[in-house]
């Protein structure tokens, strides 16, 4: 992985991992919606190459309410594997 992509992956992992830990334990719809909005905003500014690698062609990845919980878990897992390689 190129150094710039590795750095982007480290930053994304730190952000997503922290947000996932709060999201999975939250009982507040407002808090969960806020986390979804934060992740969506982050995704809009992250490295397009990294986003494409994470999304693997899935439209709306990390941007749709219905699939967000599964997408967030998937993104954290994919980033862990990318960083371990």
Protein backbone atom coordinates (compact mmCIF):
# COMPACT_ATOMS: atom_id res chain seq x y z
CA UNK A 1 0.00 0.00 0.00
CA UNK A 2 1.43 3.42 -0.94
CA UNK A 3 2.47 5.55 2.07
CA UNK A 4 -0.22 8.19 1.45
CA UNK A 5 -2.93 5.52 1.29
CA UNK A 6 -1.54 3.86 4.42
CA UNK A 7 -1.72 7.17 6.27
CA UNK A 8 -5.31 7.70 5.06
CA UNK A 9 -6.20 4.17 6.20
CA UNK A 10 -4.71 4.80 9.66
CA UNK A 11 -6.70 8.01 10.04
CA UNK A 12 -9.92 6.41 8.80
CA UNK A 13 -9.42 3.41 11.09
CA UNK A 14 -8.92 5.59 14.16
CA UNK A 15 -12.03 7.63 13.38
CA UNK A 16 -14.28 4.73 12.35
CA UNK A 17 -13.15 2.48 15.22
CA UNK A 18 -13.86 5.17 17.81
CA UNK A 19 -17.28 5.99 16.32
CA UNK A 20 -18.19 2.29 16.02
CA UNK A 21 -17.52 1.70 19.73
CA UNK A 22 -19.91 4.50 20.67
CA UNK A 23 -22.48 3.56 18.00
CA UNK A 24 -22.85 -0.10 19.01
CA UNK A 25 -23.47 0.78 22.65
CA UNK A 26 -25.69 3.77 22.07
CA UNK A 27 -29.36 3.71 23.02
CA UNK A 28 -29.98 7.21 21.70
CA UNK A 29 -31.35 7.51 18.16
CA UNK A 30 -30.13 11.10 18.10
CA UNK A 31 -26.58 10.08 18.98
CA UNK A 32 -26.62 7.27 16.42
CA UNK A 33 -27.91 9.65 13.72
CA UNK A 34 -25.16 12.11 14.64
CA UNK A 35 -22.51 9.40 14.25
CA UNK A 36 -23.98 8.42 10.87
CA UNK A 37 -23.80 12.06 9.78
CA UNK A 38 -20.19 12.39 11.01
CA UNK A 39 -19.10 9.25 9.17
CA UNK A 40 -20.92 10.31 6.00
CA UNK A 41 -19.20 13.72 6.11
CA UNK A 42 -15.83 12.05 6.66
CA UNK A 43 -16.42 9.67 3.75
CA UNK A 44 -17.12 12.65 1.48
CA UNK A 45 -13.63 14.01 2.15
CA UNK A 46 -11.56 10.84 2.45
CA UNK A 47 -9.21 9.42 -0.16
CA UNK A 48 -11.31 8.23 -3.12
CA UNK A 49 -8.95 5.28 -3.59
CA UNK A 50 -9.42 4.20 0.01
CA UNK A 51 -13.19 4.64 -0.15
CA UNK A 52 -13.32 2.58 -3.35
CA UNK A 53 -11.26 -0.17 -1.70
CA UNK A 54 -13.59 -0.25 1.29
CA UNK A 55 -16.86 0.03 -0.63
CA UNK A 56 -15.89 -2.69 -3.12
CA UNK A 57 -18.44 -1.37 -5.60
CA UNK A 58 -21.32 -1.09 -3.13
CA UNK A 59 -23.34 2.04 -3.83
CA UNK A 60 -24.20 4.10 -0.76
CA UNK A 61 -21.54 2.42 1.40
CA UNK A 62 -21.42 4.18 4.80
CA UNK A 63 -23.97 6.69 3.51
CA UNK A 64 -27.30 4.89 3.90
CA UNK A 65 -29.17 4.55 7.18
CA UNK A 66 -30.44 1.01 6.53
CA UNK A 67 -27.02 -0.50 5.86
CA UNK A 68 -24.95 1.81 8.05
CA UNK A 69 -24.39 -0.51 11.06
CA UNK A 70 -23.18 -3.38 8.86
CA UNK A 71 -21.15 -1.02 6.68
CA UNK A 72 -19.40 0.50 9.69
CA UNK A 73 -18.47 -2.92 11.09
CA UNK A 74 -17.27 -3.94 7.63
CA UNK A 75 -15.20 -0.77 7.18
CA UNK A 76 -13.45 -1.23 10.53
CA UNK A 77 -12.70 -4.86 9.69
CA UNK A 78 -11.42 -4.05 6.19
CA UNK A 79 -9.21 -1.28 7.56
CA UNK A 80 -7.77 -3.62 10.19
CA UNK A 81 -6.86 -6.09 7.45
CA UNK A 82 -5.38 -3.37 5.23
CA UNK A 83 -3.22 -2.06 8.05
CA UNK A 84 -2.07 -5.53 9.07
CA UNK A 85 -0.86 -6.33 5.55
